[in-house]
Amino acid sequence: MKVDINTKFITLIGTPLGQSFAARMQNSGYEAAGFNMLYFYSEADNAGLPHVIDGVRHMPFAGCAVTKPNKVEVMKYVDDYDPLCKKMGSSNTVVKTAEGKLVAYNTDGYGALRSLKEQVGDLAGKVMFSFGAGGTGRSVCFELANAGAKRIYICSRSATCEELCAQLNEFYPGVCVPIRAAEEDKIKAALAETDIVLNLSGAGMRGKEEETPVDKKYLLPQHVCFDATYNPPETRFLKEAKEVGCAKVINGLDMSLYQGVRQIELWTGKDAPVDAMRQTLLDIIAGK
């Protein structure tokens, strides 16, 4: 990629970043679309974040991407927020406007929402069950609530499920119900009325392949099962959902793809090359 005086930069701010595939996917998208842009990494924690943001303000950046541990902290250093991002209190995408203002968005949940809509259709009125109440759970559950979910059960081992439900219920009264992972009877009862089961916990990802968020005896044929993980392409959770005969299983490939697609749309104001970016992700998984 040729860098010249007109090149616009994007940097991913977080730490550690050695495992990230974002630069390869993003740069393949820029090349396919003919965008004069370059995506690179800036390892920084909360202490280093304001210095990198200062660089974004004063150098030829189109914006930046944000990951752990900076998604909440970055909200302190922007000038404005997308309304849903402001409700979440967390951002993974910052856009630099023509006037030099920094505006925060969150595309993580958008990626999951778009993936689910393509596979399931309208999500309004659906009952959801989220295993996981961390950063991914937060962004996805806010998007689901905003899309009109009838009920969202959120399950975690600690008090994070109660905390997230309380925050969601401030904006979407009564939509969320917390359940602790040890409360098996409540999990069973909630899953009996659930349409879509989401593994947003990280169980089953590389290094945790033998983990699953739920015993398969609680999965039912009515369930659509979604896993935010895409590497490996089929987690234990999804394998067991197939064994049970669940209605549909969906991995996190398109979630990852579409959150990046949305970022490019926000940074450029133009359509992103979806097919080229999907192929790059598939090549990465295949070790190419």
C-alpha atoms as a PDB file:
ATOM      1  CA  MET A   1       0.000   0.000   0.000  1.00  0.00           C
ATOM      2  CA  LYS A   2       1.394   3.358  -1.045  1.00  0.00           C
ATOM      3  CA  VAL A   3       1.240   6.092   1.599  1.00  0.00           C
ATOM      4  CA  ASP A   4       1.165   9.677   0.322  1.00  0.00           C
ATOM      5  CA  ILE A   5       0.189  13.146   1.486  1.00  0.00           C
ATOM      6  CA  ASN A   6      -3.520  12.319   1.046  1.00  0.00           C
ATOM      7  CA  THR A   7      -3.526   9.030   2.993  1.00  0.00           C
ATOM      8  CA  LYS A   8      -5.937   8.936   5.932  1.00  0.00           C
ATOM      9  CA  PHE A   9      -4.918   6.862   8.945  1.00  0.00           C
ATOM     10  CA  ILE A  10      -6.867   4.624  11.312  1.00  0.00           C
ATOM     11  CA  THR A  11      -5.284   3.156  14.426  1.00  0.00           C
ATOM     12  CA  LEU A  12      -6.558   0.488  16.807  1.00  0.00           C
ATOM     13  CA  ILE A  13      -5.895   1.554  20.398  1.00  0.00           C
ATOM     14  CA  GLY A  14      -5.657  -1.122  23.082  1.00  0.00           C
ATOM     15  CA  THR A  15      -3.406  -3.711  24.687  1.00  0.00           C
ATOM     16  CA  PRO A  16      -2.414  -6.431  24.019  1.00  0.00           C
ATOM     17  CA  LEU A  17      -2.918  -6.382  20.249  1.00  0.00           C
ATOM     18  CA  GLY A  18      -0.687  -9.222  19.077  1.00  0.00           C
ATOM     19  CA  GLN A  19      -3.702 -11.472  18.456  1.00  0.00           C
ATOM     20  CA  SER A  20      -5.677  -8.923  16.427  1.00  0.00           C
ATOM     21  CA  PHE A  21      -6.635  -9.626  12.795  1.00  0.00           C
ATOM     22  CA  ALA A  22      -8.268  -6.208  12.386  1.00  0.00           C
ATOM     23  CA  ALA A  23      -5.494  -4.538  10.375  1.00  0.00           C
ATOM     24  CA  ARG A  24      -5.398  -7.295   7.778  1.00  0.00           C
ATOM     25  CA  MET A  25      -9.184  -7.281   7.317  1.00  0.00           C
ATOM     26  CA  GLN A  26      -9.451  -3.494   7.250  1.00  0.00           C
ATOM     27  CA  ASN A  27      -6.530  -2.912   4.906  1.00  0.00           C
ATOM     28  CA  SER A  28      -7.806  -5.569   2.493  1.00  0.00           C
ATOM     29  CA  GLY A  29     -11.105  -3.689   2.482  1.00  0.00           C
ATOM     30  CA  TYR A  30      -9.439  -0.352   1.775  1.00  0.00           C
ATOM     31  CA  GLU A  31      -7.457  -1.866  -1.090  1.00  0.00           C
ATOM     32  CA  ALA A  32     -10.514  -3.564  -2.615  1.00  0.00           C
ATOM     33  CA  ALA A  33     -12.543  -0.354  -2.445  1.00  0.00           C
ATOM     34  CA  GLY A  34      -9.737   1.929  -3.593  1.00  0.00           C
ATOM     35  CA  PHE A  35      -9.686   3.926  -0.334  1.00  0.00           C
ATOM     36  CA  ASN A  36      -6.430   5.786   0.326  1.00  0.00           C
ATOM     37  CA  MET A  37      -6.332   4.681   3.966  1.00  0.00           C
ATOM     38  CA  LEU A  38      -4.015   2.738   6.259  1.00  0.00           C
ATOM     39  CA  TYR A  39      -4.958   0.832   9.443  1.00  0.00           C
ATOM     40  CA  PHE A  40      -2.279   0.110  12.059  1.00  0.00           C
ATOM     41  CA  TYR A  41      -1.882  -0.677  15.753  1.00  0.00           C
ATOM     42  CA  SER A  42      -1.161   1.541  18.774  1.00  0.00           C
ATOM     43  CA  GLU A  43      -0.706  -0.468  21.963  1.00  0.00           C
ATOM     44  CA  ALA A  44      -1.831   1.740  24.846  1.00  0.00           C
ATOM     45  CA  ASP A  45      -3.668   1.311  28.134  1.00  0.00           C
ATOM     46  CA  ASN A  46      -5.870   3.869  29.900  1.00  0.00           C
ATOM     47  CA  ALA A  47      -2.811   5.955  30.846  1.00  0.00           C
ATOM     48  CA  GLY A  48      -1.549   6.138  27.264  1.00  0.00           C
ATOM     49  CA  LEU A  49      -4.964   6.569  25.652  1.00  0.00           C
ATOM     50  CA  PRO A  50      -5.239  10.394  25.875  1.00  0.00           C
ATOM     51  CA  HIS A  51      -1.845  10.805  24.176  1.00  0.00           C
ATOM     52  CA  VAL A  52      -2.866   8.621  21.220  1.00  0.00           C
ATOM     53  CA  ILE A  53      -6.205  10.448  20.974  1.00  0.00           C
ATOM     54  CA  ASP A  54      -4.294  13.732  20.889  1.00  0.00           C
ATOM     55  CA  GLY A  55      -2.389  12.378  17.894  1.00  0.00           C
ATOM     56  CA  VAL A  56      -5.665  11.409  16.203  1.00  0.00           C
ATOM     57  CA  ARG A  57      -6.847  14.991  16.637  1.00  0.00           C
ATOM     58  CA  HIS A  58      -3.751  16.624  15.182  1.00  0.00           C
ATOM     59  CA  MET A  59      -2.582  14.169  12.512  1.00  0.00           C
ATOM     60  CA  PRO A  60      -4.264  13.070   9.237  1.00  0.00           C
ATOM     61  CA  PHE A  61      -6.581  10.478  10.784  1.00  0.00           C
ATOM     62  CA  ALA A  62     -10.107   9.552   9.668  1.00  0.00           C
ATOM     63  CA  GLY A  63     -10.652   8.239  13.189  1.00  0.00           C
ATOM     64  CA  CYS A  64      -9.647   5.313  15.343  1.00  0.00           C
ATOM     65  CA  ALA A  65     -10.788   1.933  16.584  1.00  0.00           C
ATOM     66  CA  VAL A  66     -10.777   1.118  20.296  1.00  0.00           C
ATOM     67  CA  THR A  67     -10.494  -2.171  22.161  1.00  0.00           C
ATOM     68  CA  LYS A  68      -9.690  -3.462  25.658  1.00  0.00           C
ATOM     69  CA  PRO A  69      -9.050  -1.856  28.075  1.00  0.00           C
ATOM     70  CA  ASN A  70     -10.058   1.504  26.569  1.00  0.00           C
ATOM     71  CA  LYS A  71     -13.659   1.167  25.358  1.00  0.00           C
ATOM     72  CA  VAL A  72     -15.172   2.901  28.387  1.00  0.00           C
ATOM     73  CA  GLU A  73     -12.259   5.257  29.070  1.00  0.00           C
ATOM     74  CA  VAL A  74     -12.305   6.684  25.522  1.00  0.00           C
ATOM     75  CA  MET A  75     -15.722   8.227  26.177  1.00  0.00           C
ATOM     76  CA  LYS A  76     -13.939  10.884  28.284  1.00  0.00           C
ATOM     77  CA  TYR A  77     -11.909  12.143  25.326  1.00  0.00           C
ATOM     78  CA  VAL A  78     -14.479  12.581  22.542  1.00  0.00           C
ATOM     79  CA  ASP A  79     -16.638  15.565  21.646  1.00  0.00           C
ATOM     80  CA  ASP A  80     -19.931  13.825  20.899  1.00  0.00           C
ATOM     81  CA  TYR A  81     -21.610  10.406  20.896  1.00  0.00           C
ATOM     82  CA  ASP A  82     -23.990   8.379  18.810  1.00  0.00           C
ATOM     83  CA  PRO A  83     -27.160   8.137  20.989  1.00  0.00           C
ATOM     84  CA  LEU A  84     -27.001   4.351  21.445  1.00  0.00           C
ATOM     85  CA  CYS A  85     -23.266   4.483  22.116  1.00  0.00           C
ATOM     86  CA  LYS A  86     -23.928   7.056  24.845  1.00  0.00           C
ATOM     87  CA  LYS A  87     -26.454   4.704  26.483  1.00  0.00           C
ATOM     88  CA  MET A  88     -23.913   1.863  26.387  1.00  0.00           C
ATOM     89  CA  GLY A  89     -21.185   4.033  27.870  1.00  0.00           C
ATOM     90  CA  SER A  90     -18.675   2.241  25.668  1.00  0.00           C
ATOM     91  CA  SER A  91     -17.162   2.873  22.232  1.00  0.00           C
ATOM     92  CA  ASN A  92     -15.110   0.816  19.779  1.00  0.00           C
ATOM     93  CA  THR A  93     -15.141   3.367  16.935  1.00  0.00           C
ATOM     94  CA  VAL A  94     -14.300   7.075  16.864  1.00  0.00           C
ATOM     95  CA  VAL A  95     -14.929   9.186  13.762  1.00  0.00           C
ATOM     96  CA  LYS A  96     -13.056  12.429  13.098  1.00  0.00           C
ATOM     97  CA  THR A  97     -15.379  14.852  11.339  1.00  0.00           C
ATOM     98  CA  ALA A  98     -14.400  17.384   8.671  1.00  0.00           C
ATOM     99  CA  GLU A  99     -14.419  20.010  11.448  1.00  0.00           C
ATOM    100  CA  GLY A 100     -11.984  17.960  13.538  1.00  0.00           C
ATOM    101  CA  LYS A 101     -14.509  16.814  16.136  1.00  0.00           C
ATOM    102  CA  LEU A 102     -14.322  13.269  17.526  1.00  0.00           C
ATOM    103  CA  VAL A 103     -17.611  11.353  17.620  1.00  0.00           C
ATOM    104  CA  ALA A 104     -17.954   7.982  19.388  1.00  0.00           C
ATOM    105  CA  TYR A 105     -19.882   4.981  18.058  1.00  0.00           C
ATOM    106  CA  ASN A 106     -20.084   1.300  18.963  1.00  0.00           C
ATOM    107  CA  THR A 107     -20.281  -1.194  16.100  1.00  0.00           C
ATOM    108  CA  ASP A 108     -19.769  -4.453  18.069  1.00  0.00           C
ATOM    109  CA  GLY A 109     -23.449  -4.971  18.770  1.00  0.00           C
ATOM    110  CA  TYR A 110     -24.365  -3.805  15.271  1.00  0.00           C
ATOM    111  CA  GLY A 111     -22.338  -6.669  13.836  1.00  0.00           C
ATOM    112  CA  ALA A 112     -24.245  -9.254  15.867  1.00  0.00           C
ATOM    113  CA  LEU A 113     -27.589  -7.604  15.123  1.00  0.00           C
ATOM    114  CA  ARG A 114     -27.012  -7.560  11.358  1.00  0.00           C
ATOM    115  CA  SER A 115     -25.814 -11.173  11.380  1.00  0.00           C
ATOM    116  CA  LEU A 116     -28.878 -12.313  13.334  1.00  0.00           C
ATOM    117  CA  LYS A 117     -31.306 -10.354  11.175  1.00  0.00           C
ATOM    118  CA  GLU A 118     -29.908 -11.943   8.025  1.00  0.00           C
ATOM    119  CA  GLN A 119     -30.387 -15.417   9.495  1.00  0.00           C
ATOM    120  CA  VAL A 120     -33.562 -14.952  11.567  1.00  0.00           C
ATOM    121  CA  GLY A 121     -35.377 -11.863  10.293  1.00  0.00           C
ATOM    122  CA  ASP A 122     -37.069  -9.286  12.510  1.00  0.00           C
ATOM    123  CA  LEU A 123     -35.922  -9.553  16.127  1.00  0.00           C
ATOM    124  CA  ALA A 124     -38.723  -7.468  17.635  1.00  0.00           C
ATOM    125  CA  GLY A 125     -40.737  -9.463  20.144  1.00  0.00           C
ATOM    126  CA  LYS A 126     -38.113 -12.212  20.477  1.00  0.00           C
ATOM    127  CA  VAL A 127     -36.929 -13.602  23.817  1.00  0.00           C
ATOM    128  CA  MET A 128     -33.132 -13.672  24.114  1.00  0.00           C
ATOM    129  CA  PHE A 129     -30.762 -15.365  26.554  1.00  0.00           C
ATOM    130  CA  SER A 130     -27.215 -14.017  26.794  1.00  0.00           C
ATOM    131  CA  PHE A 131     -24.491 -16.049  28.457  1.00  0.00           C
ATOM    132  CA  GLY A 132     -22.010 -13.290  29.201  1.00  0.00           C
ATOM    133  CA  ALA A 133     -22.315  -9.766  30.581  1.00  0.00           C
ATOM    134  CA  GLY A 134     -18.905  -8.323  29.686  1.00  0.00           C
ATOM    135  CA  GLY A 135     -18.016  -5.862  26.939  1.00  0.00           C
ATOM    136  CA  THR A 136     -19.425  -7.978  24.121  1.00  0.00           C
ATOM    137  CA  GLY A 137     -22.557  -8.777  26.112  1.00  0.00           C
ATOM    138  CA  ARG A 138     -23.076  -5.103  26.851  1.00  0.00           C
ATOM    139  CA  SER A 139     -22.920  -3.929  23.246  1.00  0.00           C
ATOM    140  CA  VAL A 140     -24.978  -6.815  21.844  1.00  0.00           C
ATOM    141  CA  CYS A 141     -27.696  -6.651  24.513  1.00  0.00           C
ATOM    142  CA  PHE A 142     -28.105  -2.893  24.073  1.00  0.00           C
ATOM    143  CA  GLU A 143     -28.561  -3.417  20.337  1.00  0.00           C
ATOM    144  CA  LEU A 144     -31.074  -6.224  20.921  1.00  0.00           C
ATOM    145  CA  ALA A 145     -33.063  -4.128  23.388  1.00  0.00           C
ATOM    146  CA  ASN A 146     -33.011  -1.198  20.969  1.00  0.00           C
ATOM    147  CA  ALA A 147     -34.270  -3.553  18.223  1.00  0.00           C
ATOM    148  CA  GLY A 148     -37.360  -4.384  20.276  1.00  0.00           C
ATOM    149  CA  ALA A 149     -36.506  -7.614  22.086  1.00  0.00           C
ATOM    150  CA  LYS A 150     -39.384  -8.730  24.301  1.00  0.00           C
ATOM    151  CA  ARG A 151     -37.115 -10.058  27.043  1.00  0.00           C
ATOM    152  CA  ILE A 152     -33.360 -10.480  27.518  1.00  0.00           C
ATOM    153  CA  TYR A 153     -32.086 -12.861  30.164  1.00  0.00           C
ATOM    154  CA  ILE A 154     -28.457 -12.099  31.019  1.00  0.00           C
ATOM    155  CA  CYS A 155     -26.372 -14.710  32.812  1.00  0.00           C
ATOM    156  CA  SER A 156     -22.957 -14.438  34.441  1.00  0.00           C
ATOM    157  CA  ARG A 157     -21.031 -15.955  37.332  1.00  0.00           C
ATOM    158  CA  SER A 158     -20.741 -12.618  39.139  1.00  0.00           C
ATOM    159  CA  ALA A 159     -22.802  -9.499  39.799  1.00  0.00           C
ATOM    160  CA  THR A 160     -22.061  -8.146  36.319  1.00  0.00           C
ATOM    161  CA  CYS A 161     -25.378  -9.567  35.069  1.00  0.00           C
ATOM    162  CA  GLU A 162     -27.306  -7.572  37.695  1.00  0.00           C
ATOM    163  CA  GLU A 163     -25.310  -4.442  36.919  1.00  0.00           C
ATOM    164  CA  LEU A 164     -25.827  -4.692  33.163  1.00  0.00           C
ATOM    165  CA  CYS A 165     -29.535  -5.474  33.531  1.00  0.00           C
ATOM    166  CA  ALA A 166     -29.999  -2.448  35.792  1.00  0.00           C
ATOM    167  CA  GLN A 167     -28.354  -0.193  33.201  1.00  0.00           C
ATOM    168  CA  LEU A 168     -30.415  -1.622  30.336  1.00  0.00           C
ATOM    169  CA  ASN A 169     -33.647  -1.356  32.287  1.00  0.00           C
ATOM    170  CA  GLU A 170     -33.014   2.368  32.793  1.00  0.00           C
ATOM    171  CA  PHE A 171     -33.535   2.864  29.055  1.00  0.00           C
ATOM    172  CA  TYR A 172     -35.728  -0.165  28.240  1.00  0.00           C
ATOM    173  CA  PRO A 173     -37.812  -0.674  31.409  1.00  0.00           C
ATOM    174  CA  GLY A 174     -38.408  -4.281  32.388  1.00  0.00           C
ATOM    175  CA  VAL A 175     -36.740  -5.846  29.357  1.00  0.00           C
ATOM    176  CA  CYS A 176     -33.795  -7.466  31.205  1.00  0.00           C
ATOM    177  CA  VAL A 177     -33.681 -10.191  33.839  1.00  0.00           C
ATOM    178  CA  PRO A 178     -30.392 -11.210  35.512  1.00  0.00           C
ATOM    179  CA  ILE A 179     -29.578 -14.830  36.326  1.00  0.00           C
ATOM    180  CA  ARG A 180     -26.460 -16.138  38.042  1.00  0.00           C
ATOM    181  CA  ALA A 181     -24.690 -19.090  36.396  1.00  0.00           C
ATOM    182  CA  ALA A 182     -25.224 -21.194  39.536  1.00  0.00           C
ATOM    183  CA  GLU A 183     -29.036 -20.801  39.362  1.00  0.00           C
ATOM    184  CA  GLU A 184     -29.684 -23.810  37.126  1.00  0.00           C
ATOM    185  CA  ASP A 185     -33.432 -23.970  37.746  1.00  0.00           C
ATOM    186  CA  LYS A 186     -33.825 -20.348  36.649  1.00  0.00           C
ATOM    187  CA  ILE A 187     -31.643 -20.968  33.587  1.00  0.00           C
ATOM    188  CA  LYS A 188     -33.758 -23.980  32.608  1.00  0.00           C
ATOM    189  CA  ALA A 189     -37.037 -22.056  33.050  1.00  0.00           C
ATOM    190  CA  ALA A 190     -35.761 -19.030  31.113  1.00  0.00           C
ATOM    191  CA  LEU A 191     -34.418 -21.134  28.239  1.00  0.00           C
ATOM    192  CA  ALA A 192     -37.801 -22.863  27.923  1.00  0.00           C
ATOM    193  CA  GLU A 193     -39.265 -19.553  26.703  1.00  0.00           C
ATOM    194  CA  THR A 194     -36.200 -18.342  24.805  1.00  0.00           C
ATOM    195  CA  ASP A 195     -36.014 -17.910  21.030  1.00  0.00           C
ATOM    196  CA  ILE A 196     -32.328 -16.997  20.619  1.00  0.00           C
ATOM    197  CA  VAL A 197     -29.481 -18.243  22.837  1.00  0.00           C
ATOM    198  CA  LEU A 198     -26.271 -16.208  22.651  1.00  0.00           C
ATOM    199  CA  ASN A 199     -22.829 -17.266  23.833  1.00  0.00           C
ATOM    200  CA  LEU A 200     -21.122 -13.933  24.465  1.00  0.00           C
ATOM    201  CA  SER A 201     -18.931 -15.290  27.256  1.00  0.00           C
ATOM    202  CA  GLY A 202     -15.799 -16.355  25.363  1.00  0.00           C
ATOM    203  CA  ALA A 203     -16.279 -20.003  26.342  1.00  0.00           C
ATOM    204  CA  GLY A 204     -15.201 -22.170  23.396  1.00  0.00           C
ATOM    205  CA  MET A 205     -12.737 -19.742  21.840  1.00  0.00           C
ATOM    206  CA  ARG A 206      -9.125 -20.689  21.037  1.00  0.00           C
ATOM    207  CA  GLY A 207      -7.524 -21.928  24.249  1.00  0.00           C
ATOM    208  CA  LYS A 208     -10.926 -22.664  25.777  1.00  0.00           C
ATOM    209  CA  GLU A 209     -12.216 -25.165  23.219  1.00  0.00           C
ATOM    210  CA  GLU A 210     -13.621 -27.584  25.810  1.00  0.00           C
ATOM    211  CA  GLU A 211     -15.710 -24.907  27.520  1.00  0.00           C
ATOM    212  CA  THR A 212     -19.386 -24.212  26.885  1.00  0.00           C
ATOM    213  CA  PRO A 213     -21.661 -21.751  28.687  1.00  0.00           C
ATOM    214  CA  VAL A 214     -24.563 -24.194  29.124  1.00  0.00           C
ATOM    215  CA  ASP A 215     -25.202 -27.913  29.510  1.00  0.00           C
ATOM    216  CA  LYS A 216     -26.732 -29.192  26.274  1.00  0.00           C
ATOM    217  CA  LYS A 217     -29.609 -30.766  28.220  1.00  0.00           C
ATOM    218  CA  TYR A 218     -31.062 -27.249  28.485  1.00  0.00           C
ATOM    219  CA  LEU A 219     -30.925 -26.576  24.738  1.00  0.00           C
ATOM    220  CA  LEU A 220     -34.159 -27.093  22.802  1.00  0.00           C
ATOM    221  CA  PRO A 221     -35.091 -27.586  19.126  1.00  0.00           C
ATOM    222  CA  GLN A 222     -36.802 -24.177  19.136  1.00  0.00           C
ATOM    223  CA  HIS A 223     -33.509 -22.377  19.846  1.00  0.00           C
ATOM    224  CA  VAL A 224     -31.472 -20.329  17.417  1.00  0.00           C
ATOM    225  CA  CYS A 225     -27.947 -20.569  18.858  1.00  0.00           C
ATOM    226  CA  PHE A 226     -25.471 -17.745  18.215  1.00  0.00           C
ATOM    227  CA  ASP A 227     -21.808 -17.707  19.264  1.00  0.00           C
ATOM    228  CA  ALA A 228     -19.676 -14.564  19.069  1.00  0.00           C
ATOM    229  CA  THR A 229     -16.609 -16.753  18.494  1.00  0.00           C
ATOM    230  CA  TYR A 230     -15.600 -17.557  14.907  1.00  0.00           C
ATOM    231  CA  ASN A 231     -12.194 -19.132  15.515  1.00  0.00           C
ATOM    232  CA  PRO A 232     -12.736 -22.071  15.828  1.00  0.00           C
ATOM    233  CA  PRO A 233     -15.667 -21.849  13.381  1.00  0.00           C
ATOM    234  CA  GLU A 234     -17.691 -24.356  15.417  1.00  0.00           C
ATOM    235  CA  THR A 235     -17.427 -24.145  19.210  1.00  0.00           C
ATOM    236  CA  ARG A 236     -18.526 -26.865  21.594  1.00  0.00           C
ATOM    237  CA  PHE A 237     -21.702 -24.829  22.219  1.00  0.00           C
ATOM    238  CA  LEU A 238     -22.596 -24.857  18.518  1.00  0.00           C
ATOM    239  CA  LYS A 239     -21.641 -28.516  18.053  1.00  0.00           C
ATOM    240  CA  GLU A 240     -23.929 -29.538  20.910  1.00  0.00           C
ATOM    241  CA  ALA A 241     -26.709 -27.294  19.577  1.00  0.00           C
ATOM    242  CA  LYS A 242     -26.505 -29.245  16.310  1.00  0.00           C
ATOM    243  CA  GLU A 243     -26.626 -32.535  18.215  1.00  0.00           C
ATOM    244  CA  VAL A 244     -29.792 -31.407  20.001  1.00  0.00           C
ATOM    245  CA  GLY A 245     -31.356 -30.377  16.684  1.00  0.00           C
ATOM    246  CA  CYS A 246     -31.612 -26.664  17.413  1.00  0.00           C
ATOM    247  CA  ALA A 247     -33.362 -24.622  14.723  1.00  0.00           C
ATOM    248  CA  LYS A 248     -30.214 -22.785  13.583  1.00  0.00           C
ATOM    249  CA  VAL A 249     -26.585 -22.315  14.617  1.00  0.00           C
ATOM    250  CA  ILE A 250     -24.637 -19.146  13.784  1.00  0.00           C
ATOM    251  CA  ASN A 251     -20.978 -18.432  14.534  1.00  0.00           C
ATOM    252  CA  GLY A 252     -19.374 -15.024  15.003  1.00  0.00           C
ATOM    253  CA  LEU A 253     -17.749 -14.638  11.584  1.00  0.00           C
ATOM    254  CA  ASP A 254     -20.370 -12.254  10.221  1.00  0.00           C
ATOM    255  CA  MET A 255     -20.532 -10.408  13.534  1.00  0.00           C
ATOM    256  CA  SER A 256     -16.806  -9.669  13.252  1.00  0.00           C
ATOM    257  CA  LEU A 257     -17.163  -8.869   9.569  1.00  0.00           C
ATOM    258  CA  TYR A 258     -20.109  -6.507   9.927  1.00  0.00           C
ATOM    259  CA  GLN A 259     -18.704  -4.567  12.857  1.00  0.00           C
ATOM    260  CA  GLY A 260     -15.687  -3.816  10.645  1.00  0.00           C
ATOM    261  CA  VAL A 261     -17.899  -3.056   7.650  1.00  0.00           C
ATOM    262  CA  ARG A 262     -19.850  -0.553   9.731  1.00  0.00           C
ATOM    263  CA  GLN A 263     -16.619   1.073  10.876  1.00  0.00           C
ATOM    264  CA  ILE A 264     -15.518   1.647   7.283  1.00  0.00           C
ATOM    265  CA  GLU A 265     -18.932   3.102   6.443  1.00  0.00           C
ATOM    266  CA  LEU A 266     -18.624   5.509   9.371  1.00  0.00           C
ATOM    267  CA  TRP A 267     -15.037   6.533   8.558  1.00  0.00           C
ATOM    268  CA  THR A 268     -15.587   6.989   4.817  1.00  0.00           C
ATOM    269  CA  GLY A 269     -19.299   7.637   4.316  1.00  0.00           C
ATOM    270  CA  LYS A 270     -19.180   4.991   1.568  1.00  0.00           C
ATOM    271  CA  ASP A 271     -20.088   1.320   1.173  1.00  0.00           C
ATOM    272  CA  ALA A 272     -17.520  -1.209   2.360  1.00  0.00           C
ATOM    273  CA  PRO A 273     -16.373  -4.161   0.163  1.00  0.00           C
ATOM    274  CA  VAL A 274     -18.123  -6.875   2.171  1.00  0.00           C
ATOM    275  CA  ASP A 275     -17.141  -9.855   0.019  1.00  0.00           C
ATOM    276  CA  ALA A 276     -13.437  -9.004  -0.005  1.00  0.00           C
ATOM    277  CA  MET A 277     -13.404  -8.523   3.757  1.00  0.00           C
ATOM    278  CA  ARG A 278     -15.247 -11.807   4.345  1.00  0.00           C
ATOM    279  CA  GLN A 279     -12.724 -13.657   2.198  1.00  0.00           C
ATOM    280  CA  THR A 280      -9.865 -12.156   4.203  1.00  0.00           C
ATOM    281  CA  LEU A 281     -11.417 -13.432   7.433  1.00  0.00           C
ATOM    282  CA  LEU A 282     -11.873 -16.890   5.918  1.00  0.00           C
ATOM    283  CA  ASP A 283      -8.230 -16.870   4.765  1.00  0.00           C
ATOM    284  CA  ILE A 284      -7.092 -15.920   8.279  1.00  0.00           C
ATOM    285  CA  ILE A 285      -9.057 -18.795   9.825  1.00  0.00           C
ATOM    286  CA  ALA A 286      -7.619 -21.173   7.235  1.00  0.00           C
ATOM    287  CA  GLY A 287      -4.101 -20.035   8.118  1.00  0.00           C
ATOM    288  CA  LYS A 288      -3.413 -18.500   4.724  1.00  0.00           C
END
